[in-house]
Amino acid sequence: MPPRVVDIILRKRAGLALSTEEIEFLIHGYTHDEIPDYQIAAWLMAICWQGMDDRETADLTLAMAHSGDTLDLHDIAPMTVDKHSTGGVGDKTSLVLTPLLASCGLAVAKMSGRGLGFSGGTIDKLESVPGFRAELSLDEFREAVRRIGLVISAQSLELAPADKKLYALRDVTGTVESLPLIASSIMSKKLAAGSDCIVLDVKVGRGAFMPTLTAARTLAHLMVRIGQRAGRQVRAIISDMDQPLGRAVGNALELHEAIDTLHGRGPADLLEVCLQLGSLLLQMAGKAEGGDQARAILQEKLATGAAWTKFRAFVQNQGGDPAVLDSPDRLPLARYIEPLPCPQTGYVAAIDARQAAQATIVLGAGRTTKDTPIDHAVGAVLQVKAGDAVRQGEPLVVLHANDTALLETARQIALAAFDLRAAPTTPPPLILEVV
């Protein structure tokens, strides 16, 4: 006889650990519309109050991962690798890291999302290239892995449908902020996608979902343990997101910056995050024996143009126009490009990443709902970073807009993102921890 849902809710409300069978029963029942929202909402609230231990969290993750389609690419690639970021501002890491890894002989099979709120999406950035197709069939996805060694597609397969249902319910029941629920949501999709080695970039700061180092550290360690329990190799870094990563914020602008980085002209902070993440993956995949060797391999692939060649082949394989990549000034351009002058001489103490992102969302670069159309051309390009000296009248940021009314609003929001001081300050460290 199956357990009663109310009894499972009461057990969790009392702080007791649920069995693997109880968790699987709930996830299966909810996915198949056999258990109503109100009972699952009560269970989620009990988890928020009482938490879950590592075994429960791993069981929840696996139950969600197996609630729909799963990918197994071992017949065409002995090992596949993947990277996940918890979301940030100006984070175009995937655009640089994935071709870099593929140029090292690793098979990179990645499903990415679109931007929502202050966090930008990899798919939106790639769709700045005319013709690029993110919606791939399973056969097309597999063929791209086999032939190119790199594919980035939208989540068109029905991976972890339980997570999709649970997340929508959490969003309207005040049960989003629970580390076991956050970790299982992220990792269920990664495990369903079938990668053998996974590296995680857990962002912390004003432009991240994790506002404190303590919360970010707990989440990073929890996700690594979940992956290891599922038989995967998983490592993580915790990186700063108080200020935007790189200088560009906005879809075509970020793609342009990624292209520059693949040509050796990118910002130092973006490159460093890519080298840190790539180094961990090369070591997990057995391509390097230590961090120094791994970094040397990655730097060589950048210097020789191998990573750029791989990126170009990947975009062309998914329908993107390679001529636009070769001449990135042909990417979507905004009608109005306006520098925002610095109001005083001094130093940049901080740049509020979320505030900077909000300025670009006002211009149309981001979404407030999943159905909001975006303008690929608009955004902002920072001219300074935290710690830099500035002079009155020199540009702090250059805004790219297609609407003068929106530009006026964005100008005020962007200016408020900059904390200017008379005395010099020390910028925050970029990589806070490696897990």
Protein backbone atom coordinates (compact mmCIF):
# COMPACT_ATOMS: atom_id res chain seq x y z
CA MET A 1 0.00 0.00 0.00
CA PRO A 2 1.50 3.38 -0.98
CA PRO A 3 2.27 5.89 1.77
CA ARG A 4 -0.14 8.73 2.54
CA VAL A 5 1.12 12.12 1.36
CA VAL A 6 -0.04 13.78 4.56
CA ASP A 7 2.07 11.38 6.62
CA ILE A 8 5.18 12.28 4.60
CA ILE A 9 4.45 15.99 5.12
CA LEU A 10 4.08 15.45 8.86
CA ARG A 11 7.35 13.48 9.04
CA LYS A 12 9.25 16.26 7.35
CA ARG A 13 7.51 18.93 9.42
CA ALA A 14 8.76 17.07 12.50
CA GLY A 15 12.31 17.24 11.19
CA LEU A 16 12.63 13.56 10.30
CA ALA A 17 14.56 12.29 7.29
CA LEU A 18 12.41 10.90 4.48
CA SER A 19 13.23 7.59 2.84
CA THR A 20 14.33 7.25 -0.77
CA GLU A 21 11.02 5.55 -1.54
CA GLU A 22 8.98 8.38 0.02
CA ILE A 23 10.81 11.03 -2.01
CA GLU A 24 10.47 9.04 -5.24
CA PHE A 25 6.76 8.53 -4.50
CA LEU A 26 6.18 12.28 -4.13
CA ILE A 27 8.14 13.25 -7.25
CA HIS A 28 6.54 10.57 -9.43
CA GLY A 29 3.06 11.44 -8.16
CA TYR A 30 3.47 15.17 -8.66
CA THR A 31 5.00 14.81 -12.13
CA HIS A 32 2.06 12.65 -13.22
CA ASP A 33 -0.59 14.96 -11.65
CA GLU A 34 -1.51 12.37 -9.03
CA ILE A 35 -0.66 14.63 -6.07
CA PRO A 36 -2.18 18.14 -5.87
CA ASP A 37 -0.24 21.39 -5.65
CA TYR A 38 -1.43 22.17 -2.13
CA GLN A 39 0.12 19.02 -0.66
CA ILE A 40 3.43 19.48 -2.46
CA ALA A 41 3.45 23.15 -1.39
CA ALA A 42 3.08 22.04 2.24
CA TRP A 43 5.94 19.56 1.82
CA LEU A 44 8.16 22.23 0.25
CA MET A 45 7.45 24.60 3.14
CA ALA A 46 8.36 21.82 5.60
CA ILE A 47 11.69 21.42 3.76
CA CYS A 48 12.28 25.17 4.01
CA TRP A 49 11.79 24.98 7.77
CA GLN A 50 13.51 21.67 8.52
CA GLY A 51 15.98 21.22 5.67
CA MET A 52 17.21 17.93 4.16
CA ASP A 53 20.34 15.93 4.80
CA ASP A 54 22.79 15.04 2.03
CA ARG A 55 21.22 11.67 1.30
CA GLU A 56 17.71 13.14 1.07
CA THR A 57 18.94 15.95 -1.20
CA ALA A 58 20.71 13.48 -3.47
CA ASP A 59 17.60 11.29 -3.60
CA LEU A 60 15.45 14.30 -4.49
CA THR A 61 17.93 15.31 -7.22
CA LEU A 62 18.00 11.85 -8.77
CA ALA A 63 14.21 11.49 -8.61
CA MET A 64 13.83 14.77 -10.50
CA ALA A 65 16.61 13.88 -12.96
CA HIS A 66 14.80 10.64 -13.84
CA SER A 67 11.34 12.22 -14.10
CA GLY A 68 11.68 12.71 -17.88
CA ASP A 69 14.18 12.32 -20.70
CA THR A 70 17.83 11.63 -19.95
CA LEU A 71 20.78 11.85 -22.32
CA ASP A 72 23.44 9.21 -22.77
CA LEU A 73 26.11 10.14 -25.30
CA HIS A 74 28.65 7.45 -24.48
CA ASP A 75 28.13 5.72 -27.81
CA ILE A 76 29.54 8.78 -29.61
CA ALA A 77 31.71 10.36 -26.87
CA PRO A 78 33.44 8.30 -24.16
CA MET A 79 33.31 11.32 -21.87
CA THR A 80 31.29 14.55 -21.97
CA VAL A 81 31.82 17.66 -19.87
CA ASP A 82 29.62 20.56 -18.85
CA LYS A 83 29.73 23.82 -16.94
CA HIS A 84 27.04 25.61 -14.98
CA SER A 85 26.91 29.12 -13.56
CA THR A 86 24.41 30.15 -10.92
CA GLY A 87 23.88 33.35 -12.90
CA GLY A 88 25.39 36.80 -12.95
CA VAL A 89 25.82 40.07 -14.82
CA GLY A 90 28.06 40.18 -17.87
CA ASP A 91 28.75 36.46 -17.48
CA LYS A 92 29.64 35.32 -21.00
CA THR A 93 31.97 32.59 -19.70
CA SER A 94 30.28 29.76 -21.61
CA LEU A 95 30.94 31.49 -24.93
CA VAL A 96 34.69 31.35 -24.27
CA LEU A 97 35.08 28.27 -22.09
CA THR A 98 33.15 25.72 -24.18
CA PRO A 99 35.11 26.15 -27.44
CA LEU A 100 38.29 26.29 -25.38
CA LEU A 101 37.49 22.90 -23.86
CA ALA A 102 36.36 21.44 -27.19
CA SER A 103 39.65 22.53 -28.79
CA CYS A 104 41.40 20.41 -26.13
CA GLY A 105 39.59 17.31 -27.41
CA LEU A 106 36.77 17.23 -24.86
CA ALA A 107 33.15 16.68 -25.93
CA VAL A 108 31.04 19.57 -24.61
CA ALA A 109 27.30 18.92 -24.63
CA LYS A 110 25.52 21.85 -23.05
CA MET A 111 21.91 22.87 -22.64
CA SER A 112 21.53 26.50 -21.67
CA GLY A 113 18.72 28.85 -20.78
CA ARG A 114 17.60 32.30 -21.74
CA GLY A 115 18.01 35.33 -19.52
CA LEU A 116 15.40 36.27 -16.93
CA GLY A 117 15.61 39.23 -14.58
CA PHE A 118 19.11 40.54 -13.96
CA SER A 119 20.83 37.32 -15.10
CA GLY A 120 21.67 37.09 -18.81
CA GLY A 121 21.25 33.92 -20.87
CA THR A 122 23.81 32.22 -23.11
CA ILE A 123 21.19 31.38 -25.75
CA ASP A 124 20.13 35.03 -26.10
CA LYS A 125 23.74 36.05 -26.67
CA LEU A 126 24.28 33.41 -29.34
CA GLU A 127 21.03 34.38 -31.07
CA SER A 128 22.61 37.79 -31.74
CA VAL A 129 24.24 35.98 -34.69
CA PRO A 130 21.83 35.92 -37.67
CA GLY A 131 20.63 32.39 -38.41
CA PHE A 132 21.83 30.76 -35.20
CA ARG A 133 19.51 27.92 -34.17
CA ALA A 134 19.24 27.01 -30.52
CA GLU A 135 16.25 24.67 -30.83
CA LEU A 136 17.75 21.33 -31.86
CA SER A 137 16.25 17.87 -32.13
CA LEU A 138 17.91 15.06 -30.21
CA ASP A 139 19.44 13.74 -33.45
CA GLU A 140 20.87 17.18 -34.28
CA PHE A 141 22.20 17.53 -30.75
CA ARG A 142 23.96 14.17 -30.93
CA GLU A 143 25.35 14.83 -34.41
CA ALA A 144 26.84 18.15 -33.28
CA VAL A 145 28.63 16.39 -30.43
CA ARG A 146 29.93 13.71 -32.79
CA ARG A 147 31.05 16.02 -35.60
CA ILE A 148 32.05 19.29 -33.88
CA GLY A 149 32.64 18.22 -30.29
CA LEU A 150 30.57 21.18 -29.08
CA VAL A 151 26.86 21.90 -28.94
CA ILE A 152 24.92 24.52 -26.99
CA SER A 153 21.18 24.26 -27.33
CA ALA A 154 18.06 25.50 -25.61
CA GLN A 155 16.41 23.05 -23.26
CA SER A 156 14.10 21.62 -25.89
CA LEU A 157 14.20 18.09 -24.51
CA GLU A 158 11.93 17.29 -21.58
CA LEU A 159 14.75 17.08 -19.05
CA ALA A 160 13.74 16.94 -15.38
CA PRO A 161 10.07 17.96 -15.87
CA ALA A 162 9.53 17.54 -12.13
CA ASP A 163 11.94 20.40 -11.54
CA LYS A 164 10.00 22.63 -13.93
CA LYS A 165 6.76 21.95 -12.06
CA LEU A 166 8.34 22.30 -8.64
CA TYR A 167 10.10 25.55 -9.50
CA ALA A 168 6.87 27.15 -10.74
CA LEU A 169 5.17 26.13 -7.49
CA ARG A 170 8.08 27.33 -5.32
CA ASP A 171 7.96 30.70 -7.07
CA VAL A 172 4.40 31.38 -5.88
CA THR A 173 4.52 29.73 -2.44
CA GLY A 174 7.52 31.44 -0.86
CA THR A 175 9.69 28.32 -1.00
CA VAL A 176 12.46 29.38 -3.37
CA GLU A 177 15.11 30.15 -0.74
CA SER A 178 16.03 26.68 0.44
CA LEU A 179 19.54 25.39 -0.28
CA PRO A 180 18.51 21.72 -0.70
CA LEU A 181 15.79 22.78 -3.15
CA ILE A 182 18.11 25.15 -5.04
CA ALA A 183 20.88 22.55 -5.25
CA SER A 184 18.58 19.73 -6.38
CA SER A 185 16.98 22.00 -9.00
CA ILE A 186 20.35 22.84 -10.57
CA MET A 187 21.89 19.40 -10.34
CA SER A 188 18.84 17.44 -11.53
CA LYS A 189 19.10 19.09 -14.95
CA LYS A 190 22.87 18.57 -15.08
CA LEU A 191 22.56 14.87 -14.22
CA ALA A 192 19.72 14.39 -16.73
CA ALA A 193 21.93 15.91 -19.42
CA GLY A 194 24.37 13.04 -18.88
CA SER A 195 27.73 14.79 -18.46
CA ASP A 196 30.52 12.83 -16.77
CA CYS A 197 32.47 15.85 -15.50
CA ILE A 198 30.78 19.04 -14.33
CA VAL A 199 32.30 22.29 -13.13
CA LEU A 200 30.16 24.82 -11.25
CA ASP A 201 30.65 28.57 -11.02
CA VAL A 202 28.80 29.72 -7.91
CA LYS A 203 28.46 33.50 -8.02
CA VAL A 204 28.27 35.58 -4.85
CA GLY A 205 27.59 39.27 -4.34
CA ARG A 206 25.24 42.07 -5.34
CA GLY A 207 24.70 40.67 -8.84
CA ALA A 208 24.18 37.04 -7.77
CA PHE A 209 21.39 34.90 -6.35
CA MET A 210 23.69 34.04 -3.42
CA PRO A 211 24.27 37.31 -1.53
CA THR A 212 26.75 36.02 1.07
CA LEU A 213 29.90 33.91 0.96
CA THR A 214 28.51 31.58 3.62
CA ALA A 215 25.43 30.79 1.51
CA ALA A 216 27.50 30.40 -1.66
CA ARG A 217 29.97 28.09 0.08
CA THR A 218 27.19 25.91 1.47
CA LEU A 219 25.51 25.65 -1.94
CA ALA A 220 28.78 24.85 -3.73
CA HIS A 221 29.74 22.07 -1.31
CA LEU A 222 26.20 20.65 -1.41
CA MET A 223 26.10 20.47 -5.21
CA VAL A 224 29.53 18.87 -5.38
CA ARG A 225 28.44 16.19 -2.89
CA ILE A 226 25.23 15.55 -4.83
CA GLY A 227 27.20 15.02 -8.04
CA GLN A 228 29.66 12.71 -6.35
CA ARG A 229 26.84 10.64 -4.85
CA ALA A 230 25.46 10.27 -8.38
CA GLY A 231 28.81 8.97 -9.63
CA ARG A 232 29.89 12.15 -11.45
CA GLN A 233 33.09 14.15 -11.09
CA VAL A 234 32.15 17.62 -9.89
CA ARG A 235 34.21 20.64 -8.82
CA ALA A 236 33.20 24.23 -8.13
CA ILE A 237 34.58 27.71 -7.78
CA ILE A 238 33.03 30.59 -5.87
CA SER A 239 33.53 33.82 -7.80
CA ASP A 240 32.77 37.46 -7.12
CA MET A 241 29.69 39.06 -8.67
CA ASP A 242 29.65 42.37 -6.83
CA GLN A 243 30.60 44.02 -10.13
CA PRO A 244 29.85 42.77 -13.68
CA LEU A 245 32.20 40.17 -15.17
CA GLY A 246 34.20 41.71 -17.99
CA ARG A 247 33.04 45.05 -19.32
CA ALA A 248 30.08 44.33 -21.62
CA VAL A 249 26.52 43.80 -20.39
CA GLY A 250 23.98 43.06 -23.13
CA ASN A 251 23.63 40.28 -25.66
CA ALA A 252 25.47 41.32 -28.84
CA LEU A 253 27.91 43.40 -26.79
CA GLU A 254 28.79 40.36 -24.65
CA LEU A 255 29.18 38.16 -27.72
CA HIS A 256 31.56 40.75 -29.20
CA GLU A 257 33.58 40.68 -25.97
CA ALA A 258 33.68 36.87 -26.03
CA ILE A 259 35.00 36.98 -29.61
CA ASP A 260 37.68 39.45 -28.51
CA THR A 261 38.63 37.09 -25.66
CA LEU A 262 38.99 34.15 -28.04
CA HIS A 263 41.35 36.34 -30.06
CA GLY A 264 43.43 37.18 -26.97
CA ARG A 265 42.02 40.68 -26.50
CA GLY A 266 39.48 40.08 -23.74
CA PRO A 267 39.24 41.49 -20.23
CA ALA A 268 41.49 39.88 -17.63
CA ASP A 269 38.74 38.91 -15.17
CA LEU A 270 36.69 37.05 -17.79
CA LEU A 271 39.76 35.19 -19.01
CA GLU A 272 40.77 34.24 -15.47
CA VAL A 273 37.36 32.70 -14.66
CA CYS A 274 37.54 30.70 -17.91
CA LEU A 275 41.05 29.46 -17.11
CA GLN A 276 40.07 28.47 -13.56
CA LEU A 277 37.00 26.54 -14.68
CA GLY A 278 38.75 25.01 -17.68
CA SER A 279 41.70 23.93 -15.58
CA LEU A 280 39.44 22.01 -13.21
CA LEU A 281 37.66 20.26 -16.09
CA LEU A 282 40.89 19.27 -17.87
CA GLN A 283 42.15 17.71 -14.65
CA MET A 284 38.87 15.86 -13.98
CA ALA A 285 38.85 14.56 -17.55
CA GLY A 286 42.42 13.30 -17.30
CA LYS A 287 43.80 15.76 -19.85
CA ALA A 288 46.21 17.39 -17.36
CA GLU A 289 47.95 16.25 -14.19
CA GLY A 290 47.85 19.56 -12.37
CA GLY A 291 46.66 23.13 -12.48
CA ASP A 292 49.80 24.58 -14.05
CA GLN A 293 49.80 22.07 -16.91
CA ALA A 294 46.07 22.58 -17.47
CA ARG A 295 46.42 26.36 -17.70
CA ALA A 296 49.33 26.03 -20.11
CA ILE A 297 47.25 23.81 -22.39
CA LEU A 298 44.33 26.25 -22.35
CA GLN A 299 46.55 29.26 -23.00
CA GLU A 300 48.15 27.48 -25.94
CA LYS A 301 44.72 26.78 -27.49
CA LEU A 302 43.91 30.47 -27.22
CA ALA A 303 47.27 31.60 -28.60
CA THR A 304 47.18 29.27 -31.61
CA GLY A 305 43.60 30.18 -32.53
CA ALA A 306 42.35 26.61 -31.99
CA ALA A 307 39.63 27.76 -29.57
CA TRP A 308 38.47 30.45 -32.01
CA THR A 309 38.36 27.95 -34.88
CA LYS A 310 36.22 25.63 -32.75
CA PHE A 311 33.83 28.44 -31.80
CA ARG A 312 33.41 29.45 -35.43
CA ALA A 313 32.71 25.85 -36.49
CA PHE A 314 30.18 25.40 -33.67
CA VAL A 315 28.21 28.55 -34.52
CA GLN A 316 28.24 27.75 -38.26
CA ASN A 317 27.08 24.19 -37.58
CA GLN A 318 24.01 25.59 -35.79
CA GLY A 319 23.14 27.92 -38.65
CA GLY A 320 24.94 31.09 -37.57
CA ASP A 321 26.53 33.34 -40.19
CA PRO A 322 30.33 32.96 -39.84
CA ALA A 323 30.90 36.25 -41.70
CA VAL A 324 29.36 38.08 -38.73
CA LEU A 325 31.79 36.35 -36.38
CA ASP A 326 34.70 37.31 -38.61
CA SER A 327 33.49 40.93 -38.62
CA PRO A 328 31.71 41.35 -35.27
CA ASP A 329 30.93 44.99 -36.05
CA ARG A 330 28.17 43.42 -38.17
CA LEU A 331 26.42 42.20 -35.01
CA PRO A 332 23.24 44.14 -34.10
CA LEU A 333 24.12 47.79 -33.41
CA ALA A 334 22.14 50.31 -31.36
CA ARG A 335 21.12 53.64 -32.87
CA TYR A 336 22.31 55.69 -29.90
CA ILE A 337 25.71 55.18 -28.27
CA GLU A 338 26.21 57.57 -25.37
CA PRO A 339 29.08 57.84 -22.87
CA LEU A 340 28.05 58.55 -19.28
CA PRO A 341 30.55 61.05 -17.83
CA CYS A 342 32.01 60.73 -14.35
CA PRO A 343 30.61 63.45 -12.03
CA GLN A 344 33.78 63.76 -9.91
CA THR A 345 37.48 62.97 -9.79
CA GLY A 346 38.46 60.10 -7.50
CA TYR A 347 38.33 56.32 -7.44
CA VAL A 348 35.75 53.62 -8.20
CA ALA A 349 35.14 51.86 -4.88
CA ALA A 350 32.48 49.51 -6.27
CA ILE A 351 30.12 48.91 -9.19
CA ASP A 352 26.77 47.45 -8.18
CA ALA A 353 26.30 44.60 -10.66
CA ARG A 354 22.55 44.31 -10.17
CA GLN A 355 22.07 48.06 -10.61
CA ALA A 356 24.14 47.97 -13.80
CA ALA A 357 22.04 45.08 -15.09
CA GLN A 358 18.86 46.98 -14.29
CA ALA A 359 19.99 49.83 -16.52
CA THR A 360 20.38 47.42 -19.45
CA ILE A 361 17.02 45.77 -18.73
CA VAL A 362 15.37 49.20 -18.97
CA LEU A 363 16.97 49.56 -22.41
CA GLY A 364 15.49 46.20 -23.48
CA ALA A 365 18.45 43.84 -23.06
CA GLY A 366 16.72 41.58 -20.53
CA ARG A 367 13.36 40.08 -19.63
CA THR A 368 10.98 40.65 -16.77
CA THR A 369 8.90 37.63 -17.84
CA LYS A 370 9.79 34.58 -19.94
CA ASP A 371 7.79 35.94 -22.89
CA THR A 372 9.29 39.45 -22.95
CA PRO A 373 11.04 40.18 -26.28
CA ILE A 374 14.62 41.39 -26.02
CA ASP A 375 16.70 43.82 -28.04
CA HIS A 376 20.02 42.15 -28.86
CA ALA A 377 21.76 45.43 -29.70
CA VAL A 378 21.31 47.37 -26.47
CA GLY A 379 23.30 47.30 -23.25
CA ALA A 380 26.28 48.90 -21.59
CA VAL A 381 30.07 48.71 -21.78
CA LEU A 382 31.98 49.65 -18.64
CA GLN A 383 34.95 51.93 -19.16
CA VAL A 384 36.25 51.45 -15.60
CA LYS A 385 36.30 48.69 -12.99
CA ALA A 386 36.39 48.70 -9.18
CA GLY A 387 39.69 50.14 -7.94
CA ASP A 388 40.30 52.33 -11.00
CA ALA A 389 41.10 56.03 -10.75
CA VAL A 390 38.66 58.33 -12.58
CA ARG A 391 38.59 61.98 -13.60
CA GLN A 392 35.56 64.23 -13.80
CA GLY A 393 34.06 64.21 -17.29
CA GLU A 394 35.70 60.96 -18.41
CA PRO A 395 33.26 58.15 -19.31
CA LEU A 396 32.29 55.63 -16.65
CA VAL A 397 30.20 53.53 -19.02
CA VAL A 398 28.95 53.72 -22.60
CA LEU A 399 25.21 53.06 -23.00
CA HIS A 400 23.85 51.49 -26.21
CA ALA A 401 20.16 52.27 -26.78
CA ASN A 402 17.47 52.28 -29.45
CA ASP A 403 15.03 54.57 -27.62
CA THR A 404 15.93 58.02 -26.31
CA ALA A 405 13.24 57.96 -23.59
CA LEU A 406 14.55 54.67 -22.24
CA LEU A 407 18.08 56.03 -22.49
CA GLU A 408 17.28 58.85 -20.08
CA THR A 409 15.95 56.41 -17.48
CA ALA A 410 18.88 54.03 -17.94
CA ARG A 411 21.34 56.90 -17.54
CA GLN A 412 20.11 57.64 -14.00
CA ILE A 413 20.09 53.96 -13.00
CA ALA A 414 23.58 53.34 -14.40
CA LEU A 415 25.09 56.35 -12.64
CA ALA A 416 23.73 55.09 -9.30
CA ALA A 417 25.64 51.81 -9.81
CA PHE A 418 29.00 53.53 -9.32
CA ASP A 419 30.30 54.12 -5.80
CA LEU A 420 32.88 56.90 -6.21
CA ARG A 421 35.29 57.83 -3.41
CA ALA A 422 38.03 60.38 -2.90
CA ALA A 423 40.55 57.82 -1.62
CA PRO A 424 41.79 54.69 -3.44
CA THR A 425 40.25 51.32 -2.58
CA THR A 426 41.25 47.70 -3.05
CA PRO A 427 39.05 45.81 -5.53
CA PRO A 428 37.50 42.54 -4.34
CA PRO A 429 39.19 39.22 -5.18
CA LEU A 430 37.76 37.51 -8.25
CA ILE A 431 38.02 33.85 -7.21
CA LEU A 432 37.05 33.47 -3.56
CA GLU A 433 37.33 29.70 -3.17
CA VAL A 434 37.80 26.46 -5.10
CA VAL A 435 35.71 23.51 -3.91
